[in-house]
Structure formats: C-alpha cells, structure tokens
C-alpha cells in the first residue's frame, strides 16, 4: 500500500486486546493488511497464535501475547512485550470485555458488578496509561476503546453492561482532552449487534434475531469486519483530526430505535 494512502498503517505498532476472535480478530487481521505490526492479545495464547499464523500467512507481521486484562501486572507485561519486540506502541485497541450478567440490574451481585466495572473500564484506563508514554515518545498515537450502543440507552436485561460501556465513552473523552496536546487521539467505536461469539446468545435466539433485524434500518446484524473498518479509519491518517468521539456502527438502530429496547 502506498505511503500516501489515507488508511496506511505502515510502520505502526498496534496492540489489540481480545484479539483472538470476533471483532478483535478482524481488527488485528485488517490492521496487519494495512501495514501495522500487530500484537495479538487475549487470555489464551494458543488462540492468539492462530490469528498470528493467519496474519503471517498473508505476509503480515504479528506476535501473540497472553494477557488477562483484569490483572494489572499482565497488562504491564503486554506493553513491555510490545515495546521489547517492536520498539514501542503507536496504536492501542481496547476491545476485550466481559458480560456475565443478563437480567435486571437489581439482581446483580456486588462482586459481579465490581468485576464488570474493573474489567470493562478500569483495565482500559490502566492499559491506556501504560501505553501513552510510548506513544508520546514516538510523537503521537491512537487509542480506540470498543464501547457499545448500550452505552447510549437504557436496557432491561443488559443494564450493568451498558453502564460500563457508557463509562468507556467518558474515559475516551477524558483521555482525549488530557493527551490531545501530545498528538494522542482517543476515540470509541460503539457497535450494535455483531455476529460474534460474545453476542451469540442474542443473535442465535430466533425471536431476538427477528426483532433486531426488523428494527434495524439495514435489516440485518453486523459482521466483525464492519467494525474493523472503523478502527482502521480512527487509527490511520484518515482520522487524524478526530478525537474524543464515538463512531456508532449499528446498521441504523440508534437512528430509529425507541429508547429502552434491548441491545
């Protein structure tokens, strides 16, 4: 790809959490296709290695690093591995998240809610703070936090998850304001229902699938690659004047969906 391309990531180092499947895997593979050296991370090293092998088979460059994002020392080790291998970090994609509770928020145990906030929000703040010094030293960088359309509206059964995703939107805004003077951009992607293992319970349920596609202007659910495209934009020269924002990629759901409908 020519260096003049708006979407060229040549020479950039990208760290992607939750990179072994679904949206994370699509982002890893597409960033590699656009020239980035990719650090593929998730809890299972063998699953990450599968993605690395696929990237290398197409001529890309990548390494696998196992990391449980809920453990601060493992996040630090992830940053150190990326720096030791490739010399620094230019792009960080905070994609990993959990959603162990389905149902009204009144029924969620305190320890489960605390774990969701720690994993879905605090770990993103930790990892961003760990990666930013490298970005600053390299003249700038881009951070993308994968949020959700749930962060924009209430939900009967996914309320706790939605709270964490709304917090991620604010985290991106705060980091963008703090680090914009150092040419570090921070944005969110807010996907709708995407065909991933993470959301399998939603799209495999026939009644929910019919409801969601009926209420989505494009009349279908999304695919992981359609989120990867937004990530490429946000981390490439094409998105160089965008920070503190969120791109909603949901097939038009928020444009026409009544508040309170399920995610």
C-alpha atoms as a PDB file:
ATOM      1  CA  UNK A   1       0.000   0.000   0.000  1.00  0.00           C
ATOM      2  CA  UNK A   2       1.474   3.387  -0.908  1.00  0.00           C
ATOM      3  CA  UNK A   3       2.554   5.599   1.965  1.00  0.00           C
ATOM      4  CA  UNK A   4       0.282   8.376   0.692  1.00  0.00           C
ATOM      5  CA  UNK A   5      -2.824   6.315   1.433  1.00  0.00           C
ATOM      6  CA  UNK A   6      -5.183   7.820   3.997  1.00  0.00           C
ATOM      7  CA  UNK A   7      -5.541   4.374   5.514  1.00  0.00           C
ATOM      8  CA  UNK A   8      -1.887   3.350   5.575  1.00  0.00           C
ATOM      9  CA  UNK A   9      -0.646   1.915   8.880  1.00  0.00           C
ATOM     10  CA  UNK A  10       2.814   1.038   7.595  1.00  0.00           C
ATOM     11  CA  UNK A  11       5.465   1.243  10.307  1.00  0.00           C
ATOM     12  CA  UNK A  12       2.903   1.409  13.109  1.00  0.00           C
ATOM     13  CA  UNK A  13       2.757  -0.965  16.065  1.00  0.00           C
ATOM     14  CA  UNK A  14      -0.757  -1.939  17.179  1.00  0.00           C
ATOM     15  CA  UNK A  15      -1.726  -3.704  20.409  1.00  0.00           C
ATOM     16  CA  UNK A  16      -5.195  -5.277  20.381  1.00  0.00           C
ATOM     17  CA  UNK A  17      -6.853  -6.860  23.419  1.00  0.00           C
ATOM     18  CA  UNK A  18      -9.485  -9.507  22.910  1.00  0.00           C
ATOM     19  CA  UNK A  19      -7.716 -10.113  19.626  1.00  0.00           C
ATOM     20  CA  UNK A  20      -8.219 -13.849  19.237  1.00  0.00           C
ATOM     21  CA  UNK A  21     -11.789 -13.836  17.932  1.00  0.00           C
ATOM     22  CA  UNK A  22     -14.715 -11.783  16.711  1.00  0.00           C
ATOM     23  CA  UNK A  23     -14.249  -8.038  16.438  1.00  0.00           C
ATOM     24  CA  UNK A  24     -10.741  -8.165  17.903  1.00  0.00           C
ATOM     25  CA  UNK A  25      -9.530 -10.732  15.412  1.00  0.00           C
ATOM     26  CA  UNK A  26     -10.982  -8.777  12.497  1.00  0.00           C
ATOM     27  CA  UNK A  27      -9.208  -5.638  13.711  1.00  0.00           C
ATOM     28  CA  UNK A  28      -5.901  -7.492  14.076  1.00  0.00           C
ATOM     29  CA  UNK A  29      -6.070  -9.005  10.605  1.00  0.00           C
ATOM     30  CA  UNK A  30      -7.181  -5.820   8.862  1.00  0.00           C
ATOM     31  CA  UNK A  31      -4.594  -3.657  10.608  1.00  0.00           C
ATOM     32  CA  UNK A  32      -1.912  -6.102   9.519  1.00  0.00           C
ATOM     33  CA  UNK A  33      -3.205  -5.894   5.941  1.00  0.00           C
ATOM     34  CA  UNK A  34      -2.814  -2.114   6.149  1.00  0.00           C
ATOM     35  CA  UNK A  35       0.809  -2.462   7.217  1.00  0.00           C
ATOM     36  CA  UNK A  36       0.762  -2.477  11.021  1.00  0.00           C
ATOM     37  CA  UNK A  37       2.834  -4.797  13.175  1.00  0.00           C
ATOM     38  CA  UNK A  38       0.223  -6.326  15.429  1.00  0.00           C
ATOM     39  CA  UNK A  39       0.422  -7.586  18.993  1.00  0.00           C
ATOM     40  CA  UNK A  40      -2.476 -10.020  19.320  1.00  0.00           C
ATOM     41  CA  UNK A  41      -3.586 -10.448  22.918  1.00  0.00           C
ATOM     42  CA  UNK A  42      -6.211 -12.396  24.830  1.00  0.00           C
ATOM     43  CA  UNK A  43      -6.249 -14.747  27.790  1.00  0.00           C
ATOM     44  CA  UNK A  44      -5.395 -17.824  25.707  1.00  0.00           C
ATOM     45  CA  UNK A  45      -2.011 -17.806  23.997  1.00  0.00           C
ATOM     46  CA  UNK A  46      -2.841 -20.635  21.594  1.00  0.00           C
ATOM     47  CA  UNK A  47      -5.919 -18.791  20.335  1.00  0.00           C
ATOM     48  CA  UNK A  48      -3.817 -15.665  19.749  1.00  0.00           C
ATOM     49  CA  UNK A  49      -1.232 -17.711  17.887  1.00  0.00           C
ATOM     50  CA  UNK A  50      -3.883 -18.899  15.437  1.00  0.00           C
ATOM     51  CA  UNK A  51      -4.518 -15.258  14.498  1.00  0.00           C
ATOM     52  CA  UNK A  52      -0.786 -14.541  14.291  1.00  0.00           C
ATOM     53  CA  UNK A  53      -0.305 -17.506  11.958  1.00  0.00           C
ATOM     54  CA  UNK A  54      -3.140 -16.281   9.735  1.00  0.00           C
ATOM     55  CA  UNK A  55      -1.582 -12.809   9.577  1.00  0.00           C
ATOM     56  CA  UNK A  56       1.847 -14.189   8.740  1.00  0.00           C
ATOM     57  CA  UNK A  57       0.393 -16.461   6.064  1.00  0.00           C
ATOM     58  CA  UNK A  58      -0.720 -13.300   4.251  1.00  0.00           C
ATOM     59  CA  UNK A  59       2.669 -11.646   4.600  1.00  0.00           C
ATOM     60  CA  UNK A  60       1.932  -9.607   7.702  1.00  0.00           C
ATOM     61  CA  UNK A  61       3.856  -9.281  10.938  1.00  0.00           C
ATOM     62  CA  UNK A  62       2.458 -10.137  14.367  1.00  0.00           C
ATOM     63  CA  UNK A  63       3.190 -11.695  17.751  1.00  0.00           C
ATOM     64  CA  UNK A  64       0.942 -13.329  20.349  1.00  0.00           C
ATOM     65  CA  UNK A  65       0.948 -12.250  23.997  1.00  0.00           C
ATOM     66  CA  UNK A  66      -1.372 -13.793  26.578  1.00  0.00           C
ATOM     67  CA  UNK A  67      -2.957 -11.291  28.962  1.00  0.00           C
ATOM     68  CA  UNK A  68      -5.865 -11.241  31.388  1.00  0.00           C
ATOM     69  CA  UNK A  69      -6.855  -7.583  31.267  1.00  0.00           C
ATOM     70  CA  UNK A  70      -8.189  -7.721  34.807  1.00  0.00           C
ATOM     71  CA  UNK A  71      -4.666  -8.221  36.162  1.00  0.00           C
ATOM     72  CA  UNK A  72      -2.545  -5.086  36.197  1.00  0.00           C
ATOM     73  CA  UNK A  73       0.843  -6.881  36.081  1.00  0.00           C
ATOM     74  CA  UNK A  74      -0.240  -8.761  32.960  1.00  0.00           C
ATOM     75  CA  UNK A  75      -1.224  -5.505  31.265  1.00  0.00           C
ATOM     76  CA  UNK A  76       2.199  -4.088  32.062  1.00  0.00           C
ATOM     77  CA  UNK A  77       3.819  -7.230  30.691  1.00  0.00           C
ATOM     78  CA  UNK A  78       1.787  -6.820  27.490  1.00  0.00           C
ATOM     79  CA  UNK A  79       3.082  -3.284  26.998  1.00  0.00           C
ATOM     80  CA  UNK A  80       6.626  -4.377  27.764  1.00  0.00           C
ATOM     81  CA  UNK A  81       6.416  -7.273  25.295  1.00  0.00           C
ATOM     82  CA  UNK A  82       5.204  -4.956  22.529  1.00  0.00           C
ATOM     83  CA  UNK A  83       7.973  -2.469  23.273  1.00  0.00           C
ATOM     84  CA  UNK A  84      10.672  -5.128  23.522  1.00  0.00           C
ATOM     85  CA  UNK A  85       9.653  -6.694  20.211  1.00  0.00           C
ATOM     86  CA  UNK A  86       8.797  -3.681  18.084  1.00  0.00           C
ATOM     87  CA  UNK A  87      10.339  -0.715  19.898  1.00  0.00           C
ATOM     88  CA  UNK A  88       7.153   0.986  21.039  1.00  0.00           C
ATOM     89  CA  UNK A  89       3.402   1.356  20.606  1.00  0.00           C
ATOM     90  CA  UNK A  90       1.532   3.601  18.158  1.00  0.00           C
ATOM     91  CA  UNK A  91      -1.967   2.117  18.317  1.00  0.00           C
ATOM     92  CA  UNK A  92      -3.928   0.599  21.184  1.00  0.00           C
ATOM     93  CA  UNK A  93      -7.293  -1.082  20.725  1.00  0.00           C
ATOM     94  CA  UNK A  94      -9.067  -1.889  23.995  1.00  0.00           C
ATOM     95  CA  UNK A  95     -11.538  -4.468  22.764  1.00  0.00           C
ATOM     96  CA  UNK A  96     -11.700  -7.128  25.494  1.00  0.00           C
ATOM     97  CA  UNK A  97     -14.730  -7.025  27.790  1.00  0.00           C
ATOM     98  CA  UNK A  98     -16.990  -9.260  29.856  1.00  0.00           C
ATOM     99  CA  UNK A  99     -20.750  -9.510  30.356  1.00  0.00           C
ATOM    100  CA  UNK A 100     -21.505 -12.196  32.965  1.00  0.00           C
ATOM    101  CA  UNK A 101     -24.940 -10.856  33.968  1.00  0.00           C
ATOM    102  CA  UNK A 102     -28.122 -10.941  31.882  1.00  0.00           C
ATOM    103  CA  UNK A 103     -31.206  -9.577  33.592  1.00  0.00           C
ATOM    104  CA  UNK A 104     -32.384  -6.574  35.599  1.00  0.00           C
ATOM    105  CA  UNK A 105     -29.577  -4.756  37.374  1.00  0.00           C
ATOM    106  CA  UNK A 106     -31.319  -5.106  40.744  1.00  0.00           C
ATOM    107  CA  UNK A 107     -30.365  -8.768  40.674  1.00  0.00           C
ATOM    108  CA  UNK A 108     -26.645  -8.361  40.036  1.00  0.00           C
ATOM    109  CA  UNK A 109     -24.363  -9.327  42.953  1.00  0.00           C
ATOM    110  CA  UNK A 110     -21.980  -6.589  44.086  1.00  0.00           C
ATOM    111  CA  UNK A 111     -18.896  -8.637  43.283  1.00  0.00           C
ATOM    112  CA  UNK A 112     -20.095  -9.279  39.721  1.00  0.00           C
ATOM    113  CA  UNK A 113     -20.794  -5.591  39.120  1.00  0.00           C
ATOM    114  CA  UNK A 114     -17.424  -4.658  40.585  1.00  0.00           C
ATOM    115  CA  UNK A 115     -15.714  -7.156  38.292  1.00  0.00           C
ATOM    116  CA  UNK A 116     -17.521  -5.777  35.242  1.00  0.00           C
ATOM    117  CA  UNK A 117     -16.510  -2.213  36.063  1.00  0.00           C
ATOM    118  CA  UNK A 118     -12.930  -3.273  36.723  1.00  0.00           C
ATOM    119  CA  UNK A 119     -12.628  -5.337  33.544  1.00  0.00           C
ATOM    120  CA  UNK A 120     -14.580  -3.161  31.124  1.00  0.00           C
ATOM    121  CA  UNK A 121     -13.498   0.271  32.351  1.00  0.00           C
ATOM    122  CA  UNK A 122     -10.620   0.350  34.818  1.00  0.00           C
ATOM    123  CA  UNK A 123      -8.465  -2.036  32.805  1.00  0.00           C
ATOM    124  CA  UNK A 124      -8.885   0.192  29.732  1.00  0.00           C
ATOM    125  CA  UNK A 125      -7.715   3.161  31.783  1.00  0.00           C
ATOM    126  CA  UNK A 126      -4.770   1.184  33.153  1.00  0.00           C
ATOM    127  CA  UNK A 127      -3.676  -0.047  29.736  1.00  0.00           C
ATOM    128  CA  UNK A 128      -4.070   3.363  28.122  1.00  0.00           C
ATOM    129  CA  UNK A 129      -1.951   4.959  30.836  1.00  0.00           C
ATOM    130  CA  UNK A 130       0.692   2.278  30.342  1.00  0.00           C
ATOM    131  CA  UNK A 131       0.810   2.707  26.553  1.00  0.00           C
ATOM    132  CA  UNK A 132       0.645   6.510  26.403  1.00  0.00           C
ATOM    133  CA  UNK A 133       4.287   7.175  27.410  1.00  0.00           C
ATOM    134  CA  UNK A 134       5.478   5.118  24.446  1.00  0.00           C
ATOM    135  CA  UNK A 135       3.103   6.962  22.126  1.00  0.00           C
ATOM    136  CA  UNK A 136       4.259  10.300  23.472  1.00  0.00           C
ATOM    137  CA  UNK A 137       7.871   9.326  22.858  1.00  0.00           C
ATOM    138  CA  UNK A 138       7.040   8.410  19.258  1.00  0.00           C
ATOM    139  CA  UNK A 139       5.330  11.718  18.524  1.00  0.00           C
ATOM    140  CA  UNK A 140       1.729  10.626  18.968  1.00  0.00           C
ATOM    141  CA  UNK A 141      -0.623   7.706  18.735  1.00  0.00           C
ATOM    142  CA  UNK A 142      -4.196   6.481  18.599  1.00  0.00           C
ATOM    143  CA  UNK A 143      -6.306   4.665  21.177  1.00  0.00           C
ATOM    144  CA  UNK A 144      -9.611   3.030  20.326  1.00  0.00           C
ATOM    145  CA  UNK A 145     -11.947   1.733  23.020  1.00  0.00           C
ATOM    146  CA  UNK A 146     -14.663  -0.627  21.813  1.00  0.00           C
ATOM    147  CA  UNK A 147     -17.825   0.503  23.599  1.00  0.00           C
ATOM    148  CA  UNK A 148     -21.395  -0.373  22.564  1.00  0.00           C
ATOM    149  CA  UNK A 149     -24.657   1.247  21.555  1.00  0.00           C
ATOM    150  CA  UNK A 150     -25.702   0.054  25.011  1.00  0.00           C
ATOM    151  CA  UNK A 151     -23.698   2.983  26.344  1.00  0.00           C
ATOM    152  CA  UNK A 152     -26.269   5.355  24.816  1.00  0.00           C
ATOM    153  CA  UNK A 153     -29.507   3.943  26.173  1.00  0.00           C
ATOM    154  CA  UNK A 154     -31.151   2.034  28.987  1.00  0.00           C
ATOM    155  CA  UNK A 155     -31.685  -1.690  28.881  1.00  0.00           C
ATOM    156  CA  UNK A 156     -33.920  -4.068  30.802  1.00  0.00           C
ATOM    157  CA  UNK A 157     -31.515  -7.016  30.691  1.00  0.00           C
ATOM    158  CA  UNK A 158     -28.114  -5.528  29.857  1.00  0.00           C
ATOM    159  CA  UNK A 159     -28.183  -2.519  32.149  1.00  0.00           C
ATOM    160  CA  UNK A 160     -24.994  -3.275  34.092  1.00  0.00           C
ATOM    161  CA  UNK A 161     -23.065  -3.897  30.885  1.00  0.00           C
ATOM    162  CA  UNK A 162     -24.486  -0.682  29.443  1.00  0.00           C
ATOM    163  CA  UNK A 163     -23.223   1.272  32.455  1.00  0.00           C
ATOM    164  CA  UNK A 164     -19.686   0.057  31.829  1.00  0.00           C
ATOM    165  CA  UNK A 165     -19.906   0.940  28.159  1.00  0.00           C
ATOM    166  CA  UNK A 166     -21.193   4.437  28.923  1.00  0.00           C
ATOM    167  CA  UNK A 167     -18.218   4.859  31.246  1.00  0.00           C
ATOM    168  CA  UNK A 168     -15.899   3.891  28.384  1.00  0.00           C
ATOM    169  CA  UNK A 169     -17.326   6.727  26.294  1.00  0.00           C
ATOM    170  CA  UNK A 170     -16.414   9.180  29.033  1.00  0.00           C
ATOM    171  CA  UNK A 171     -12.990   7.589  29.528  1.00  0.00           C
ATOM    172  CA  UNK A 172     -12.219   8.253  25.872  1.00  0.00           C
ATOM    173  CA  UNK A 173     -13.321  11.873  26.174  1.00  0.00           C
ATOM    174  CA  UNK A 174     -11.177  12.424  29.259  1.00  0.00           C
ATOM    175  CA  UNK A 175      -8.087  10.849  27.745  1.00  0.00           C
ATOM    176  CA  UNK A 176      -8.607  12.792  24.513  1.00  0.00           C
ATOM    177  CA  UNK A 177      -8.643  16.103  26.371  1.00  0.00           C
ATOM    178  CA  UNK A 178      -5.685  15.191  28.570  1.00  0.00           C
ATOM    179  CA  UNK A 179      -3.445  13.883  25.817  1.00  0.00           C
ATOM    180  CA  UNK A 180      -4.509  15.741  22.684  1.00  0.00           C
ATOM    181  CA  UNK A 181      -1.657  18.272  23.141  1.00  0.00           C
ATOM    182  CA  UNK A 182       0.757  15.355  22.764  1.00  0.00           C
ATOM    183  CA  UNK A 183      -0.898  14.268  19.481  1.00  0.00           C
ATOM    184  CA  UNK A 184      -2.507  11.233  21.111  1.00  0.00           C
ATOM    185  CA  UNK A 185      -6.037  10.696  19.859  1.00  0.00           C
ATOM    186  CA  UNK A 186      -8.620   8.641  21.766  1.00  0.00           C
ATOM    187  CA  UNK A 187     -11.958   7.535  20.356  1.00  0.00           C
ATOM    188  CA  UNK A 188     -14.607   4.871  20.799  1.00  0.00           C
ATOM    189  CA  UNK A 189     -16.431   2.546  18.465  1.00  0.00           C
ATOM    190  CA  UNK A 190     -19.977   1.703  19.556  1.00  0.00           C
ATOM    191  CA  UNK A 191     -21.114  -1.437  17.739  1.00  0.00           C
ATOM    192  CA  UNK A 192     -24.651  -2.657  17.509  1.00  0.00           C
ATOM    193  CA  UNK A 193     -25.393  -6.376  17.393  1.00  0.00           C
ATOM    194  CA  UNK A 194     -22.462  -8.071  15.658  1.00  0.00           C
ATOM    195  CA  UNK A 195     -22.168 -11.729  14.675  1.00  0.00           C
ATOM    196  CA  UNK A 196     -19.573 -12.743  17.282  1.00  0.00           C
ATOM    197  CA  UNK A 197     -19.243 -15.459  19.908  1.00  0.00           C
ATOM    198  CA  UNK A 198     -19.526 -12.752  22.568  1.00  0.00           C
ATOM    199  CA  UNK A 199     -23.023 -11.836  21.368  1.00  0.00           C
ATOM    200  CA  UNK A 200     -24.037 -15.346  20.289  1.00  0.00           C
ATOM    201  CA  UNK A 201     -26.838 -15.614  22.861  1.00  0.00           C
ATOM    202  CA  UNK A 202     -28.507 -12.587  21.266  1.00  0.00           C
ATOM    203  CA  UNK A 203     -28.252 -13.408  17.575  1.00  0.00           C
ATOM    204  CA  UNK A 204     -28.768 -17.169  17.864  1.00  0.00           C
ATOM    205  CA  UNK A 205     -32.112 -16.678  19.586  1.00  0.00           C
ATOM    206  CA  UNK A 206     -34.626 -16.723  16.695  1.00  0.00           C
ATOM    207  CA  UNK A 207     -37.119 -14.358  18.325  1.00  0.00           C
ATOM    208  CA  UNK A 208     -34.468 -11.807  19.264  1.00  0.00           C
ATOM    209  CA  UNK A 209     -32.837 -12.072  15.839  1.00  0.00           C
ATOM    210  CA  UNK A 210     -36.155 -11.362  14.100  1.00  0.00           C
ATOM    211  CA  UNK A 211     -36.837  -8.438  16.427  1.00  0.00           C
ATOM    212  CA  UNK A 212     -33.405  -6.906  15.942  1.00  0.00           C
ATOM    213  CA  UNK A 213     -33.338  -7.245  12.172  1.00  0.00           C
ATOM    214  CA  UNK A 214     -36.884  -5.904  11.935  1.00  0.00           C
ATOM    215  CA  UNK A 215     -35.945  -2.814  13.955  1.00  0.00           C
ATOM    216  CA  UNK A 216     -32.623  -2.231  12.177  1.00  0.00           C
ATOM    217  CA  UNK A 217     -32.884   0.005   9.094  1.00  0.00           C
ATOM    218  CA  UNK A 218     -30.386  -2.160   7.195  1.00  0.00           C
ATOM    219  CA  UNK A 219     -32.464  -5.242   8.150  1.00  0.00           C
ATOM    220  CA  UNK A 220     -29.508  -7.346   9.281  1.00  0.00           C
ATOM    221  CA  UNK A 221     -26.944  -7.630  12.044  1.00  0.00           C
ATOM    222  CA  UNK A 222     -23.322  -6.592  11.587  1.00  0.00           C
ATOM    223  CA  UNK A 223     -20.163  -8.544  10.842  1.00  0.00           C
ATOM    224  CA  UNK A 224     -16.799  -8.166  12.642  1.00  0.00           C
ATOM    225  CA  UNK A 225     -15.114  -6.729   9.547  1.00  0.00           C
ATOM    226  CA  UNK A 226     -17.555  -3.829   9.598  1.00  0.00           C
ATOM    227  CA  UNK A 227     -16.162  -2.777  12.970  1.00  0.00           C
ATOM    228  CA  UNK A 228     -12.586  -3.312  11.816  1.00  0.00           C
ATOM    229  CA  UNK A 229     -13.102  -0.739   9.085  1.00  0.00           C
ATOM    230  CA  UNK A 230     -13.989   1.907  11.657  1.00  0.00           C
ATOM    231  CA  UNK A 231     -10.881   1.024  13.677  1.00  0.00           C
ATOM    232  CA  UNK A 232      -8.658   1.424  10.618  1.00  0.00           C
ATOM    233  CA  UNK A 233     -10.147   4.859   9.997  1.00  0.00           C
ATOM    234  CA  UNK A 234      -9.652   6.027  13.573  1.00  0.00           C
ATOM    235  CA  UNK A 235      -6.027   4.876  13.749  1.00  0.00           C
ATOM    236  CA  UNK A 236      -4.886   5.980  10.286  1.00  0.00           C
ATOM    237  CA  UNK A 237      -4.154   9.399   8.745  1.00  0.00           C
ATOM    238  CA  UNK A 238      -7.792   9.434   7.614  1.00  0.00           C
ATOM    239  CA  UNK A 239      -8.849  10.033  11.216  1.00  0.00           C
ATOM    240  CA  UNK A 240      -6.043  12.363  12.214  1.00  0.00           C
ATOM    241  CA  UNK A 241      -8.359  15.220  13.288  1.00  0.00           C
ATOM    242  CA  UNK A 242     -10.834  13.050  15.192  1.00  0.00           C
ATOM    243  CA  UNK A 243     -10.541  12.613  18.940  1.00  0.00           C
ATOM    244  CA  UNK A 244     -12.842  12.320  21.946  1.00  0.00           C
ATOM    245  CA  UNK A 245     -15.617  10.918  19.778  1.00  0.00           C
ATOM    246  CA  UNK A 246     -17.517   7.700  19.204  1.00  0.00           C
ATOM    247  CA  UNK A 247     -18.428   6.121  15.897  1.00  0.00           C
ATOM    248  CA  UNK A 248     -21.713   4.220  16.115  1.00  0.00           C
ATOM    249  CA  UNK A 249     -21.728   1.215  13.789  1.00  0.00           C
ATOM    250  CA  UNK A 250     -25.142  -0.356  14.265  1.00  0.00           C
ATOM    251  CA  UNK A 251     -26.964  -0.555  10.939  1.00  0.00           C
ATOM    252  CA  UNK A 252     -29.039   2.483  11.883  1.00  0.00           C
ATOM    253  CA  UNK A 253     -30.533   1.159  15.127  1.00  0.00           C
ATOM    254  CA  UNK A 254     -29.966   4.299  17.205  1.00  0.00           C
ATOM    255  CA  UNK A 255     -31.321   6.449  14.409  1.00  0.00           C
ATOM    256  CA  UNK A 256     -34.752   4.887  14.651  1.00  0.00           C
ATOM    257  CA  UNK A 257     -34.935   2.611  17.673  1.00  0.00           C
ATOM    258  CA  UNK A 258     -37.101   3.665  20.622  1.00  0.00           C
ATOM    259  CA  UNK A 259     -35.250   4.153  23.898  1.00  0.00           C
ATOM    260  CA  UNK A 260     -35.254   1.168  26.226  1.00  0.00           C
ATOM    261  CA  UNK A 261     -35.209  -1.511  23.528  1.00  0.00           C
ATOM    262  CA  UNK A 262     -32.863  -4.429  24.046  1.00  0.00           C
ATOM    263  CA  UNK A 263     -29.214  -4.442  22.893  1.00  0.00           C
END
